[in-house]
Amino acid sequence: MKYTTLGKTGLKVSVVGLGGIPVQRTDKAGAVEIVKACMGQGINYLDTARGYTVSEEYFGEAIKGNRDKWIIATKSMSRTYDAMKADIEISLKNLQTDYIDLYQIHNIKTDEEFETCFGENGAYRALAEAKAEGKIGHIGATAHGLEAFERLIREYEDKIETMMFPYNIVENQADALMKECTEKNIGFIAMKPMAGGNLDDTKLALRYIFNNPDCTIAIPGMGNEEEVLSNTSEEIFQPLSDADKEECVKIRKELGSQFCRRCGYCAPCPQGINIPQNFLMVNYLRKYGLADWAKARYYAMEKTAKDCVGCGTCETRCPYDLPIREMLKKCAADMA
């Protein structure tokens, strides 16, 4: 494993971190095994969030007795002082620790959110107080849109020490801003390194990321030991060949920009549709030609894309502004 310094924080982190979304699919015992496998491969950075349901709680159990071996990062969608103050305490309790190394303002987007968050009674004030009290070590931010990314590192560069943003083979729109992070010593954390599970060649995906010197750390989600071993192979640090670069271009053209990252922020659907799962099944049909297999699992779901009533609730939550209703219509048509 390779290690680096996470920007202004000064933290020495493994360049591959453990993303906390997939752990929701297992249990506490499973989380312990994943964390154990990561430790065995030299990973020392763990990423979770208040919004990842049981993720904080499972990781808290998994790192028990080994807290000193981990750099813990979590995040909250809270925008006000009181809400963020409460979330910090919940995170500390869930993670079974008296300090969190990095606490991030999660998925900030609108003008109103910026004004509230960084205002007199905003979330940032709660984070600053917690840092002064030693409850958190450093403050960072995450975003999904370029405008928010740019605003954070230009208007609030004195307040944040790290920046998390999607970066992968098909999402490289932030290249210039990543370089600006390097110039300002703001640690850049690549979220969605596998494009939400849409990239099949995980080693190529990580090699692409680590060939960019402006990426400090990548945090692929890992749900079992096999994924841990694949994501920590020595191959991920090899330079890209011309053939590799051509393959990346091919993947980018095939996948485009309008795809589900399976982050789950669209949930819950008022009609009970598991939206990411519907898109996953139709991807198996479209990309791999597994029509019978995909349709069998699609129709085994209690609610499918055809049950969408077009309310649009999901679209208000999607951090990527996807036209989910239209995508569900196409999914239903393809699966018919």
Protein backbone atom coordinates (compact mmCIF):
# COMPACT_ATOMS: atom_id res chain seq x y z
CA MET A 1 0.00 0.00 0.00
CA LYS A 2 1.12 3.55 -0.72
CA TYR A 3 0.57 6.44 1.68
CA THR A 4 0.30 10.18 1.25
CA THR A 5 -0.53 13.36 3.15
CA LEU A 6 -4.16 14.46 3.03
CA GLY A 7 -3.67 18.12 2.16
CA LYS A 8 -3.70 20.66 4.98
CA THR A 9 -4.82 18.07 7.51
CA GLY A 10 -1.33 16.59 7.69
CA LEU A 11 -2.90 13.15 8.10
CA LYS A 12 -0.90 10.25 6.65
CA VAL A 13 -3.45 8.20 4.73
CA SER A 14 -3.42 5.12 2.54
CA VAL A 15 -4.17 6.20 -1.01
CA VAL A 16 -6.95 3.60 -1.10
CA GLY A 17 -9.58 4.10 1.58
CA LEU A 18 -12.59 2.04 2.59
CA GLY A 19 -15.86 3.49 1.27
CA GLY A 20 -18.74 2.94 3.68
CA ILE A 21 -21.81 2.53 1.47
CA PRO A 22 -21.62 -1.23 0.68
CA VAL A 23 -21.29 -2.19 4.35
CA GLN A 24 -25.02 -1.49 4.63
CA ARG A 25 -25.59 -4.74 2.72
CA THR A 26 -23.94 -6.86 5.39
CA ASP A 27 -24.16 -7.07 9.20
CA LYS A 28 -21.82 -6.20 12.06
CA ALA A 29 -19.96 -9.49 11.73
CA GLY A 30 -19.53 -8.89 8.02
CA ALA A 31 -18.26 -5.37 8.67
CA VAL A 32 -15.67 -6.74 11.08
CA GLU A 33 -14.38 -9.08 8.38
CA ILE A 34 -14.20 -6.30 5.78
CA VAL A 35 -12.30 -4.01 8.13
CA LYS A 36 -9.96 -6.85 9.11
CA ALA A 37 -9.22 -7.53 5.44
CA CYS A 38 -8.53 -3.83 4.82
CA MET A 39 -6.14 -3.65 7.76
CA GLY A 40 -4.31 -6.66 6.37
CA GLN A 41 -3.74 -4.78 3.11
CA GLY A 42 -2.52 -1.60 4.80
CA ILE A 43 -5.68 0.52 4.42
CA ASN A 44 -5.99 3.03 7.26
CA TYR A 45 -8.71 5.41 6.01
CA LEU A 46 -12.37 4.72 6.61
CA ASP A 47 -15.16 6.79 5.06
CA THR A 48 -18.75 6.73 6.28
CA ALA A 49 -21.66 9.14 6.77
CA ARG A 50 -24.67 9.85 8.92
CA GLY A 51 -26.82 9.17 5.87
CA TYR A 52 -25.46 5.66 5.29
CA THR A 53 -28.01 4.09 7.65
CA VAL A 54 -26.11 1.54 9.79
CA SER A 55 -22.66 2.22 8.31
CA GLU A 56 -21.31 4.28 11.22
CA GLU A 57 -22.64 1.79 13.75
CA TYR A 58 -21.18 -1.24 11.96
CA PHE A 59 -17.80 0.41 11.54
CA GLY A 60 -17.82 1.45 15.19
CA GLU A 61 -18.10 -2.21 16.10
CA ALA A 62 -15.52 -3.24 13.51
CA ILE A 63 -12.75 -0.89 14.67
CA LYS A 64 -13.25 -1.61 18.37
CA GLY A 65 -9.83 -2.25 19.90
CA ASN A 66 -8.05 -0.83 16.84
CA ARG A 67 -9.14 2.81 16.88
CA ASP A 68 -5.54 4.04 16.77
CA LYS A 69 -4.97 2.23 13.47
CA TRP A 70 -7.71 4.15 11.63
CA ILE A 71 -8.25 7.61 10.27
CA ILE A 72 -12.02 8.01 10.44
CA ALA A 73 -13.95 10.33 8.13
CA THR A 74 -17.69 10.84 8.30
CA LYS A 75 -20.11 13.47 7.08
CA SER A 76 -23.53 15.00 7.62
CA MET A 77 -26.20 16.65 5.50
CA SER A 78 -27.12 18.93 8.41
CA ARG A 79 -27.00 22.62 7.56
CA THR A 80 -27.86 24.31 10.87
CA TYR A 81 -25.82 24.65 14.05
CA ASP A 82 -28.15 22.59 16.23
CA ALA A 83 -28.60 19.78 13.68
CA MET A 84 -24.86 19.46 13.00
CA LYS A 85 -24.02 19.61 16.71
CA ALA A 86 -26.45 16.73 17.30
CA ASP A 87 -25.08 14.72 14.36
CA ILE A 88 -21.52 15.03 15.61
CA GLU A 89 -22.55 13.50 18.94
CA ILE A 90 -24.45 10.70 17.19
CA SER A 91 -21.42 9.94 15.02
CA LEU A 92 -19.13 9.78 18.05
CA LYS A 93 -21.50 7.38 19.76
CA ASN A 94 -22.01 5.19 16.69
CA LEU A 95 -18.30 5.00 15.94
CA GLN A 96 -17.53 4.29 19.60
CA THR A 97 -14.81 6.93 19.74
CA ASP A 98 -14.12 10.23 21.46
CA TYR A 99 -12.78 11.91 18.33
CA ILE A 100 -13.30 11.80 14.56
CA ASP A 101 -10.36 12.69 12.33
CA LEU A 102 -12.33 14.33 9.50
CA TYR A 103 -15.93 15.57 9.59
CA GLN A 104 -17.37 16.79 6.29
CA ILE A 105 -20.25 18.98 5.21
CA HIS A 106 -22.02 16.56 2.92
CA ASN A 107 -23.38 17.24 -0.58
CA ILE A 108 -23.82 20.99 -0.27
CA LYS A 109 -25.47 22.45 -3.35
CA THR A 110 -27.78 25.50 -3.32
CA ASP A 111 -27.23 29.15 -2.46
CA GLU A 112 -29.61 28.75 0.47
CA GLU A 113 -27.61 25.80 1.79
CA PHE A 114 -24.35 27.75 1.55
CA GLU A 115 -25.83 30.75 3.32
CA THR A 116 -27.30 28.63 6.09
CA CYS A 117 -24.33 26.34 6.53
CA PHE A 118 -21.69 29.04 6.74
CA GLY A 119 -23.94 31.60 8.46
CA GLU A 120 -23.98 32.66 12.11
CA ASN A 121 -26.09 29.70 13.22
CA GLY A 122 -24.90 27.27 10.57
CA ALA A 123 -23.38 23.82 10.55
CA TYR A 124 -19.85 25.16 10.11
CA ARG A 125 -20.00 26.88 13.49
CA ALA A 126 -20.84 23.55 15.15
CA LEU A 127 -17.93 21.88 13.36
CA ALA A 128 -15.52 24.65 14.35
CA GLU A 129 -16.60 24.34 17.99
CA ALA A 130 -16.21 20.57 17.90
CA LYS A 131 -12.73 20.97 16.43
CA ALA A 132 -11.75 23.40 19.19
CA GLU A 133 -13.04 20.88 21.75
CA GLY A 134 -11.02 18.05 20.21
CA LYS A 135 -14.09 16.07 19.13
CA ILE A 136 -13.09 16.34 15.48
CA GLY A 137 -9.66 16.89 14.01
CA HIS A 138 -10.36 18.47 10.64
CA ILE A 139 -13.19 19.88 8.52
CA GLY A 140 -13.93 19.03 4.90
CA ALA A 141 -16.75 19.21 2.37
CA THR A 142 -18.30 17.11 -0.35
CA ALA A 143 -20.18 18.10 -3.50
CA HIS A 144 -21.61 16.52 -6.63
CA GLY A 145 -21.77 19.60 -8.86
CA LEU A 146 -18.93 21.66 -10.32
CA GLU A 147 -20.45 24.98 -9.22
CA ALA A 148 -20.51 23.91 -5.58
CA PHE A 149 -16.99 22.45 -5.85
CA GLU A 150 -15.65 25.71 -7.28
CA ARG A 151 -17.40 27.81 -4.67
CA LEU A 152 -16.12 25.70 -1.79
CA ILE A 153 -12.45 25.88 -2.74
CA ARG A 154 -12.54 29.56 -3.73
CA GLU A 155 -14.89 31.20 -1.24
CA TYR A 156 -14.30 28.88 1.70
CA GLU A 157 -10.75 27.65 1.23
CA ASP A 158 -9.86 28.99 4.69
CA LYS A 159 -12.57 26.82 6.25
CA ILE A 160 -12.17 23.44 4.56
CA GLU A 161 -9.13 21.18 4.47
CA THR A 162 -10.42 18.48 2.12
CA MET A 163 -12.72 18.24 -0.87
CA MET A 164 -14.63 15.12 -1.94
CA PHE A 165 -16.06 14.91 -5.45
CA PRO A 166 -16.88 12.19 -8.03
CA TYR A 167 -13.87 11.22 -10.10
CA ASN A 168 -13.55 8.18 -12.34
CA ILE A 169 -13.06 7.11 -15.95
CA VAL A 170 -16.38 8.62 -17.06
CA GLU A 171 -16.48 11.60 -14.69
CA ASN A 172 -13.38 13.72 -15.13
CA GLN A 173 -15.11 17.08 -15.41
CA ALA A 174 -13.32 18.31 -12.27
CA ASP A 175 -9.75 17.99 -13.58
CA ALA A 176 -9.05 21.74 -13.47
CA LEU A 177 -10.55 22.17 -9.98
CA MET A 178 -8.60 19.17 -8.72
CA LYS A 179 -5.42 20.89 -9.85
CA GLU A 180 -6.53 23.99 -7.96
CA CYS A 181 -6.96 21.83 -4.84
CA THR A 182 -3.36 20.70 -5.21
CA GLU A 183 -2.18 24.31 -5.51
CA LYS A 184 -4.11 25.25 -2.35
CA ASN A 185 -3.08 22.10 -0.46
CA ILE A 186 -6.68 20.96 -0.14
CA GLY A 187 -6.76 17.15 -0.02
CA PHE A 188 -8.82 15.71 -2.87
CA ILE A 189 -10.88 12.59 -2.12
CA ALA A 190 -12.26 10.73 -5.14
CA MET A 191 -15.75 9.43 -4.48
CA LYS A 192 -17.52 7.04 -6.88
CA PRO A 193 -14.22 5.66 -8.24
CA MET A 194 -16.17 2.81 -9.86
CA ALA A 195 -18.92 5.15 -11.12
CA GLY A 196 -21.40 3.65 -8.71
CA GLY A 197 -20.59 0.08 -9.74
CA ASN A 198 -20.91 0.80 -13.47
CA LEU A 199 -17.24 0.08 -14.18
CA ASP A 200 -16.38 -3.60 -14.48
CA ASP A 201 -12.59 -3.43 -14.57
CA THR A 202 -11.87 -2.15 -11.05
CA LYS A 203 -8.11 -2.28 -11.47
CA LEU A 204 -8.23 -0.16 -14.62
CA ALA A 205 -10.59 2.25 -12.83
CA LEU A 206 -8.13 2.75 -9.97
CA ARG A 207 -5.14 2.95 -12.30
CA TYR A 208 -6.91 5.75 -14.15
CA ILE A 209 -7.44 7.64 -10.89
CA PHE A 210 -3.92 7.14 -9.54
CA ASN A 211 -2.39 8.32 -12.80
CA ASN A 212 -3.72 11.75 -11.88
CA PRO A 213 -1.30 13.38 -9.38
CA ASP A 214 -4.06 15.74 -8.23
CA CYS A 215 -6.04 12.90 -6.66
CA THR A 216 -4.95 12.38 -3.05
CA ILE A 217 -7.04 9.34 -2.15
CA ALA A 218 -9.78 7.16 -3.65
CA ILE A 219 -12.46 5.48 -1.55
CA PRO A 220 -13.98 2.51 -3.37
CA GLY A 221 -16.81 0.79 -1.56
CA MET A 222 -15.84 -2.74 -0.55
CA GLY A 223 -18.30 -5.36 0.59
CA ASN A 224 -16.11 -8.46 0.94
CA GLU A 225 -12.51 -9.65 1.13
CA GLU A 226 -12.31 -10.38 -2.61
CA GLU A 227 -13.07 -6.74 -3.42
CA VAL A 228 -10.51 -5.59 -0.85
CA LEU A 229 -7.78 -7.71 -2.44
CA SER A 230 -8.67 -6.50 -5.95
CA ASN A 231 -8.68 -2.85 -4.90
CA THR A 232 -5.28 -3.08 -3.20
CA SER A 233 -3.39 -5.03 -5.84
CA GLU A 234 -0.01 -3.66 -6.91
CA GLU A 235 -1.46 -3.43 -10.44
CA ILE A 236 -3.51 -0.36 -9.52
CA PHE A 237 -0.36 1.74 -9.32
CA GLN A 238 0.93 0.87 -12.78
CA PRO A 239 0.95 3.64 -15.42
CA LEU A 240 -1.63 3.58 -18.17
CA SER A 241 -0.53 2.21 -21.51
CA ASP A 242 -1.81 3.59 -24.80
CA ALA A 243 -4.15 0.60 -24.99
CA ASP A 244 -5.44 1.38 -21.50
CA LYS A 245 -6.13 4.97 -22.47
CA GLU A 246 -8.02 3.83 -25.56
CA GLU A 247 -10.09 1.49 -23.40
CA CYS A 248 -10.94 4.36 -21.04
CA VAL A 249 -12.15 6.43 -23.98
CA LYS A 250 -14.25 3.50 -25.17
CA ILE A 251 -15.82 3.03 -21.73
CA ARG A 252 -16.55 6.76 -21.48
CA LYS A 253 -18.35 6.75 -24.82
CA GLU A 254 -20.37 3.65 -23.99
CA LEU A 255 -21.52 4.78 -20.56
CA GLY A 256 -22.02 8.47 -21.28
CA SER A 257 -23.06 10.80 -18.46
CA GLN A 258 -26.65 9.77 -17.82
CA PHE A 259 -26.31 6.76 -15.56
CA CYS A 260 -27.28 5.76 -12.03
CA ARG A 261 -24.42 5.64 -9.50
CA ARG A 262 -26.59 3.63 -7.07
CA CYS A 263 -25.91 6.09 -4.25
CA GLY A 264 -29.47 5.63 -2.98
CA TYR A 265 -30.21 9.29 -2.34
CA CYS A 266 -33.38 9.00 -4.43
CA ALA A 267 -34.96 6.71 -1.81
CA PRO A 268 -37.50 6.19 -0.50
CA CYS A 269 -39.83 6.09 -3.50
CA PRO A 270 -43.46 6.82 -2.47
CA GLN A 271 -44.51 3.85 -4.62
CA GLY A 272 -41.96 1.53 -3.05
CA ILE A 273 -39.79 1.17 -6.16
CA ASN A 274 -36.15 0.28 -5.53
CA ILE A 275 -34.93 2.65 -8.24
CA PRO A 276 -31.19 1.76 -8.26
CA GLN A 277 -32.01 -1.95 -8.32
CA ASN A 278 -34.27 -1.47 -11.35
CA PHE A 279 -31.48 0.30 -13.18
CA LEU A 280 -29.00 -2.39 -12.17
CA MET A 281 -31.15 -5.14 -13.66
CA VAL A 282 -31.71 -3.30 -16.92
CA ASN A 283 -27.94 -2.71 -17.15
CA TYR A 284 -27.40 -6.46 -16.97
CA LEU A 285 -29.83 -6.79 -19.88
CA ARG A 286 -28.34 -3.98 -21.95
CA LYS A 287 -24.63 -4.41 -21.27
CA TYR A 288 -24.24 -8.15 -20.85
CA GLY A 289 -27.11 -9.61 -22.84
CA LEU A 290 -28.36 -11.47 -19.76
CA ALA A 291 -32.00 -10.97 -20.67
CA ASP A 292 -33.52 -14.04 -19.02
CA TRP A 293 -31.42 -13.71 -15.87
CA ALA A 294 -32.05 -9.96 -15.53
CA LYS A 295 -35.78 -10.17 -16.24
CA ALA A 296 -36.26 -13.00 -13.75
CA ARG A 297 -34.79 -10.84 -10.99
CA TYR A 298 -36.52 -7.71 -12.22
CA TYR A 299 -39.97 -9.29 -12.11
CA ALA A 300 -39.22 -10.86 -8.73
CA MET A 301 -39.20 -7.36 -7.24
CA GLU A 302 -42.44 -6.29 -5.61
CA LYS A 303 -42.43 -2.96 -7.46
CA THR A 304 -40.73 -2.23 -10.77
CA ALA A 305 -40.18 0.69 -13.13
CA LYS A 306 -43.66 0.23 -14.62
CA ASP A 307 -45.16 1.23 -11.24
CA CYS A 308 -43.70 4.75 -11.44
CA VAL A 309 -46.47 7.37 -11.31
CA GLY A 310 -44.18 10.23 -12.31
CA CYS A 311 -44.36 12.17 -9.05
CA GLY A 312 -40.75 13.31 -9.43
CA THR A 313 -39.85 13.07 -5.73
CA CYS A 314 -36.77 11.04 -6.61
CA GLU A 315 -35.47 13.72 -8.97
CA THR A 316 -35.51 16.37 -6.25
CA ARG A 317 -33.11 14.19 -4.23
CA CYS A 318 -30.76 12.99 -6.97
CA PRO A 319 -27.37 14.75 -6.55
CA TYR A 320 -26.66 14.18 -10.26
CA ASP A 321 -29.93 15.73 -11.51
CA LEU A 322 -30.78 12.62 -13.50
CA PRO A 323 -34.10 12.51 -15.38
CA ILE A 324 -35.13 9.48 -13.33
CA ARG A 325 -38.73 9.41 -14.52
CA GLU A 326 -37.68 9.18 -18.16
CA MET A 327 -35.03 6.62 -17.28
CA LEU A 328 -37.63 4.49 -15.49
CA LYS A 329 -39.92 4.65 -18.51
CA LYS A 330 -37.11 3.37 -20.72
CA CYS A 331 -36.27 0.71 -18.17
CA ALA A 332 -39.90 -0.51 -18.14
CA ALA A 333 -39.98 -0.57 -21.94
CA ASP A 334 -36.72 -2.51 -22.20
CA MET A 335 -37.89 -5.03 -19.62
CA ALA A 336 -41.35 -5.49 -21.18
